[in-house]
Amino acid sequence: MSRGAPAVTAAGLAAGYGGRPVWSGADLTIPAGSFTAVLGPNGSGKSTLVRLILGLLPPLAGRLEVLGRPPRRGNPEIGYVAQGAGFDPEFSIRGRDFVGLGIDGHRWGLPLGSHTAEVEGALRSVGAEGYAGRPLGHLSGGEQQRLLLAHALVGRPRLLLLDEPLSHLDVRNQRAVVELVADVARRTDLTVLLIAHDVNPLLPHVDQVLYVANGALHIGRPEEIITSESLSRIYSAPVEVLTDSRGRLFVVGLEEEASHPHG
């Protein structure tokens, strides 16, 4: 983890729509070079936080700084993979060409060929060189996620936001994507915020957990947040965190999450 200025800081931050808060009173610091898992039930406001960081939604109250400045739309220092990102089987653009579209210069009409080195470097960083010449719609979910990641990385961002990139992957591909993101982050001193429903694939790699629930944000190390005591306090209701023989965490006591590994 880098010891430079924080990547994201917030004080008294509130977010919502139409003047109605989704959550409020958030005080947090995301250190530069850290890997943070963003967890919480559906509808709690995880993606709302991403919209704030991207400058797509103004705060209702408080202060937010991203990479030392107020958030702004189209910040090239931020890479982003949206929730549900994927490709129809008929989508015929080649993976390599799609990654090239992530370079700012292309928006101004510069030919993709002028960025060959950047594109190939991004493909190598995610191990996608072997299938980058194939149509995106013909690739597996795991291969598509790698190319989406390369697209987000090709502009060499300082901050990477991933909104539920694991949701449609099997367990093997979930682990592979998380390990890949963690490896790239370590090698490039990249700050990562990854929204997920299940913390288990992330546990060996994340520095901290940002938990969004009951109209508030809570941040700390995984062992501080994902405990019976902490989640019971967050929800103001009895919650139990169980660990199975493989070290996987399960949450009991929340109707929405009781049938799932922790998220």
Protein backbone atom coordinates (compact mmCIF):
# COMPACT_ATOMS: atom_id res chain seq x y z
CA MET A 1 0.00 0.00 0.00
CA SER A 2 1.34 3.43 -0.96
CA ARG A 3 2.13 5.98 1.73
CA GLY A 4 1.28 8.97 -0.47
CA ALA A 5 -1.77 11.22 -0.25
CA PRO A 6 -5.09 9.36 0.09
CA ALA A 7 -6.90 8.43 -3.11
CA VAL A 8 -10.35 9.25 -1.68
CA THR A 9 -11.34 11.24 1.40
CA ALA A 10 -14.82 12.11 2.66
CA ALA A 11 -16.09 14.10 5.63
CA GLY A 12 -19.75 14.32 6.62
CA LEU A 13 -20.65 13.03 3.15
CA ALA A 14 -24.28 12.37 2.24
CA ALA A 15 -25.63 10.98 -1.03
CA GLY A 16 -29.07 10.51 -2.47
CA TYR A 17 -31.57 11.38 -5.17
CA GLY A 18 -34.19 14.11 -5.34
CA GLY A 19 -32.95 15.53 -2.06
CA ARG A 20 -33.64 12.26 -0.20
CA PRO A 21 -30.50 10.65 1.30
CA VAL A 22 -29.56 7.04 0.64
CA TRP A 23 -26.82 7.30 3.25
CA SER A 24 -25.24 10.15 5.19
CA GLY A 25 -22.57 11.12 7.72
CA ALA A 26 -19.77 9.27 5.92
CA ASP A 27 -16.21 9.93 7.10
CA LEU A 28 -13.65 7.79 5.32
CA THR A 29 -10.18 7.59 3.86
CA ILE A 30 -9.12 5.28 1.03
CA PRO A 31 -5.29 5.14 1.06
CA ALA A 32 -3.48 5.34 -2.26
CA GLY A 33 -2.44 1.90 -3.46
CA SER A 34 -5.01 0.08 -1.31
CA PHE A 35 -7.50 -2.61 -2.31
CA THR A 36 -10.94 -2.02 -0.78
CA ALA A 37 -13.97 -4.33 -0.99
CA VAL A 38 -17.29 -2.45 -1.00
CA LEU A 39 -20.01 -4.66 0.50
CA GLY A 40 -23.62 -4.39 1.59
CA PRO A 41 -27.15 -5.48 0.64
CA ASN A 42 -28.84 -4.55 -2.63
CA GLY A 43 -30.15 -1.00 -2.65
CA SER A 44 -27.91 0.16 0.20
CA GLY A 45 -26.05 2.70 -1.94
CA LYS A 46 -22.85 0.99 -3.05
CA SER A 47 -23.20 2.08 -6.68
CA THR A 48 -24.26 5.53 -5.47
CA LEU A 49 -20.81 5.90 -3.92
CA VAL A 50 -19.25 5.02 -7.28
CA ARG A 51 -21.39 7.66 -9.01
CA LEU A 52 -20.17 10.26 -6.52
CA ILE A 53 -16.52 9.35 -7.10
CA LEU A 54 -17.03 9.51 -10.87
CA GLY A 55 -18.56 12.98 -10.59
CA LEU A 56 -21.90 11.77 -11.97
CA LEU A 57 -23.84 12.67 -8.83
CA PRO A 58 -23.31 15.70 -6.57
CA PRO A 59 -23.18 15.13 -2.80
CA LEU A 60 -26.20 16.13 -0.79
CA ALA A 61 -23.88 17.32 1.99
CA GLY A 62 -20.30 17.14 3.17
CA ARG A 63 -16.97 17.05 1.37
CA LEU A 64 -15.49 14.53 -1.06
CA GLU A 65 -12.04 14.60 -2.66
CA VAL A 66 -10.85 12.13 -5.30
CA LEU A 67 -7.12 12.05 -6.05
CA GLY A 68 -6.74 15.36 -4.25
CA ARG A 69 -9.50 17.23 -6.08
CA PRO A 70 -13.31 17.48 -6.14
CA PRO A 71 -14.84 14.75 -8.32
CA ARG A 72 -15.29 15.54 -12.01
CA ARG A 73 -16.87 13.73 -14.93
CA GLY A 74 -14.55 12.02 -17.36
CA ASN A 75 -11.52 12.04 -15.08
CA PRO A 76 -8.86 10.12 -17.07
CA GLU A 77 -7.13 9.13 -13.82
CA ILE A 78 -10.07 6.86 -12.98
CA GLY A 79 -10.68 3.49 -14.66
CA TYR A 80 -14.19 2.07 -14.39
CA VAL A 81 -15.98 -1.20 -15.16
CA ALA A 82 -19.74 -0.79 -14.81
CA GLN A 83 -22.15 -3.21 -13.16
CA GLY A 84 -23.44 -5.86 -15.51
CA ALA A 85 -20.82 -5.10 -18.15
CA GLY A 86 -20.69 -7.82 -20.76
CA PHE A 87 -21.27 -8.48 -24.44
CA ASP A 88 -24.04 -9.98 -26.55
CA PRO A 89 -23.03 -13.09 -28.52
CA GLU A 90 -23.55 -11.07 -31.73
CA PHE A 91 -21.12 -8.34 -30.62
CA SER A 92 -18.40 -8.59 -33.26
CA ILE A 93 -15.78 -5.99 -32.30
CA ARG A 94 -12.42 -7.60 -31.59
CA GLY A 95 -11.13 -7.54 -28.02
CA ARG A 96 -7.99 -5.66 -29.06
CA ASP A 97 -10.00 -2.90 -30.76
CA PHE A 98 -12.32 -2.60 -27.76
CA VAL A 99 -9.38 -2.10 -25.42
CA GLY A 100 -8.07 0.62 -27.72
CA LEU A 101 -11.31 2.56 -27.28
CA GLY A 102 -10.32 3.10 -23.65
CA ILE A 103 -7.60 5.54 -24.67
CA ASP A 104 -8.67 9.19 -24.45
CA GLY A 105 -6.91 10.11 -27.67
CA HIS A 106 -9.24 7.88 -29.71
CA ARG A 107 -12.15 10.19 -28.86
CA TRP A 108 -10.41 12.91 -30.83
CA GLY A 109 -10.05 10.79 -33.93
CA LEU A 110 -6.54 9.45 -33.44
CA PRO A 111 -6.11 6.09 -35.19
CA LEU A 112 -5.96 3.02 -32.98
CA GLY A 113 -2.66 2.05 -34.56
CA SER A 114 -0.96 4.99 -32.88
CA HIS A 115 -1.66 3.37 -29.51
CA THR A 116 -0.54 -0.17 -30.28
CA ALA A 117 2.05 -0.25 -27.48
CA GLU A 118 -0.46 0.90 -24.85
CA VAL A 119 -3.09 -1.60 -26.00
CA GLU A 120 -0.66 -4.51 -26.09
CA GLY A 121 0.66 -3.56 -22.66
CA ALA A 122 -2.86 -3.54 -21.22
CA LEU A 123 -3.60 -6.92 -22.80
CA ARG A 124 -0.40 -8.39 -21.36
CA SER A 125 -1.20 -7.01 -17.91
CA VAL A 126 -4.40 -9.07 -17.79
CA GLY A 127 -3.13 -12.10 -19.72
CA ALA A 128 -5.54 -11.63 -22.63
CA GLU A 129 -3.14 -11.57 -25.59
CA GLY A 130 -4.15 -15.08 -26.71
CA TYR A 131 -7.78 -14.21 -27.50
CA ALA A 132 -7.70 -10.43 -28.04
CA GLY A 133 -8.14 -10.94 -31.79
CA ARG A 134 -11.47 -12.74 -31.39
CA PRO A 135 -14.93 -11.08 -31.35
CA LEU A 136 -15.97 -10.11 -27.83
CA GLY A 137 -19.33 -11.86 -28.14
CA HIS A 138 -17.59 -15.21 -28.73
CA LEU A 139 -15.59 -15.11 -25.49
CA SER A 140 -16.37 -16.62 -22.08
CA GLY A 141 -17.47 -14.48 -19.14
CA GLY A 142 -14.02 -14.68 -17.57
CA GLU A 143 -12.32 -13.67 -20.83
CA GLN A 144 -14.71 -10.76 -21.27
CA GLN A 145 -13.99 -9.55 -17.73
CA ARG A 146 -10.27 -9.57 -18.46
CA LEU A 147 -10.80 -7.43 -21.56
CA LEU A 148 -13.10 -5.06 -19.67
CA LEU A 149 -10.33 -4.71 -17.12
CA ALA A 150 -7.76 -4.07 -19.86
CA HIS A 151 -10.08 -1.39 -21.30
CA ALA A 152 -10.20 0.29 -17.89
CA LEU A 153 -6.42 0.03 -17.43
CA VAL A 154 -5.18 1.09 -20.86
CA GLY A 155 -5.22 4.79 -19.93
CA ARG A 156 -3.01 4.03 -16.89
CA PRO A 157 -5.44 5.26 -14.22
CA ARG A 158 -4.50 5.86 -10.59
CA LEU A 159 -7.89 4.69 -9.28
CA LEU A 160 -9.89 1.68 -10.50
CA LEU A 161 -13.62 1.26 -9.74
CA LEU A 162 -15.16 -2.17 -10.36
CA ASP A 163 -18.92 -2.46 -9.86
CA GLU A 164 -19.77 -6.14 -9.22
CA PRO A 165 -17.35 -7.65 -11.76
CA LEU A 166 -17.73 -11.11 -10.17
CA SER A 167 -21.51 -11.39 -10.20
CA HIS A 168 -21.88 -13.63 -13.28
CA LEU A 169 -18.68 -15.66 -12.92
CA ASP A 170 -18.18 -19.13 -11.49
CA VAL A 171 -16.02 -19.58 -8.40
CA ARG A 172 -12.87 -20.39 -10.36
CA ASN A 173 -13.17 -17.29 -12.54
CA GLN A 174 -14.06 -15.13 -9.53
CA ARG A 175 -10.81 -16.10 -7.86
CA ALA A 176 -8.84 -15.61 -11.07
CA VAL A 177 -10.23 -12.10 -11.63
CA VAL A 178 -9.61 -11.04 -8.02
CA GLU A 179 -6.05 -12.39 -8.10
CA LEU A 180 -5.47 -10.59 -11.37
CA VAL A 181 -6.78 -7.26 -10.04
CA ALA A 182 -4.70 -7.61 -6.88
CA ASP A 183 -1.57 -8.41 -8.89
CA VAL A 184 -2.03 -5.45 -11.26
CA ALA A 185 -2.71 -3.15 -8.31
CA ARG A 186 0.47 -4.23 -6.52
CA ARG A 187 2.63 -3.85 -9.63
CA THR A 188 1.31 -0.41 -10.57
CA ASP A 189 0.48 1.07 -7.13
CA LEU A 190 -3.16 1.28 -8.28
CA THR A 191 -5.97 2.04 -5.84
CA VAL A 192 -8.91 -0.36 -6.25
CA LEU A 193 -12.52 -0.22 -5.04
CA LEU A 194 -14.39 -3.41 -5.92
CA ILE A 195 -18.11 -3.83 -5.22
CA ALA A 196 -19.07 -7.42 -4.47
CA HIS A 197 -21.77 -9.50 -2.79
CA ASP A 198 -19.43 -12.20 -1.51
CA VAL A 199 -16.34 -11.20 0.45
CA ASN A 200 -14.83 -14.70 0.38
CA PRO A 201 -12.91 -14.48 -2.94
CA LEU A 202 -11.58 -11.10 -1.80
CA LEU A 203 -10.45 -11.92 1.73
CA PRO A 204 -6.85 -12.95 0.89
CA HIS A 205 -6.25 -9.74 -1.05
CA VAL A 206 -8.17 -6.74 0.33
CA ASP A 207 -6.69 -4.22 2.76
CA GLN A 208 -10.03 -2.99 4.03
CA VAL A 209 -13.79 -3.37 3.77
CA LEU A 210 -16.24 -0.53 3.18
CA TYR A 211 -19.64 -1.74 4.32
CA VAL A 212 -22.76 0.16 3.19
CA ALA A 213 -25.95 -0.54 5.14
CA ASN A 214 -28.77 1.11 7.08
CA GLY A 215 -28.06 4.55 5.66
CA ALA A 216 -24.41 4.69 6.68
CA LEU A 217 -20.90 3.72 5.60
CA HIS A 218 -18.51 1.75 7.82
CA ILE A 219 -14.86 1.13 6.99
CA GLY A 220 -12.13 -0.99 8.53
CA ARG A 221 -10.06 -4.11 8.10
CA PRO A 222 -12.04 -7.26 7.19
CA GLU A 223 -11.52 -8.73 10.64
CA GLU A 224 -12.97 -5.54 12.16
CA ILE A 225 -16.07 -5.25 9.96
CA ILE A 226 -17.08 -8.83 9.12
CA THR A 227 -17.81 -9.97 12.68
CA SER A 228 -20.99 -10.79 14.56
CA GLU A 229 -20.51 -7.83 16.87
CA SER A 230 -19.77 -5.30 14.14
CA LEU A 231 -22.58 -6.34 11.78
CA SER A 232 -25.07 -6.53 14.66
CA ARG A 233 -24.13 -2.96 15.52
CA ILE A 234 -24.36 -1.82 11.87
CA TYR A 235 -27.84 -3.35 11.44
CA SER A 236 -29.07 -2.72 14.99
CA ALA A 237 -30.20 -6.36 14.95
CA PRO A 238 -28.72 -9.73 15.91
CA VAL A 239 -26.36 -10.96 13.18
CA GLU A 240 -24.02 -13.94 13.39
CA VAL A 241 -20.94 -14.49 11.24
CA LEU A 242 -20.00 -18.17 10.90
CA THR A 243 -16.77 -19.65 9.52
CA ASP A 244 -16.79 -23.05 7.82
CA SER A 245 -13.94 -25.57 7.72
CA ARG A 246 -12.51 -23.89 4.58
CA GLY A 247 -12.42 -20.46 6.20
CA ARG A 248 -15.41 -19.11 4.25
CA LEU A 249 -17.59 -16.57 6.04
CA PHE A 250 -21.38 -16.84 6.19
CA VAL A 251 -23.82 -14.29 7.61
CA VAL A 252 -26.87 -15.51 9.55
CA GLY A 253 -29.70 -13.31 10.74
CA LEU A 254 -30.35 -11.09 7.75
CA GLU A 255 -33.21 -12.35 5.57
CA GLU A 256 -31.72 -10.89 2.39
CA GLU A 257 -28.31 -12.41 2.93
CA ALA A 258 -28.93 -15.52 5.01
CA SER A 259 -28.84 -17.91 2.07
CA HIS A 260 -25.63 -16.52 0.59
CA PRO A 261 -21.94 -16.42 1.46
CA HIS A 262 -21.30 -13.05 2.96
CA GLY A 263 -21.75 -10.01 0.75
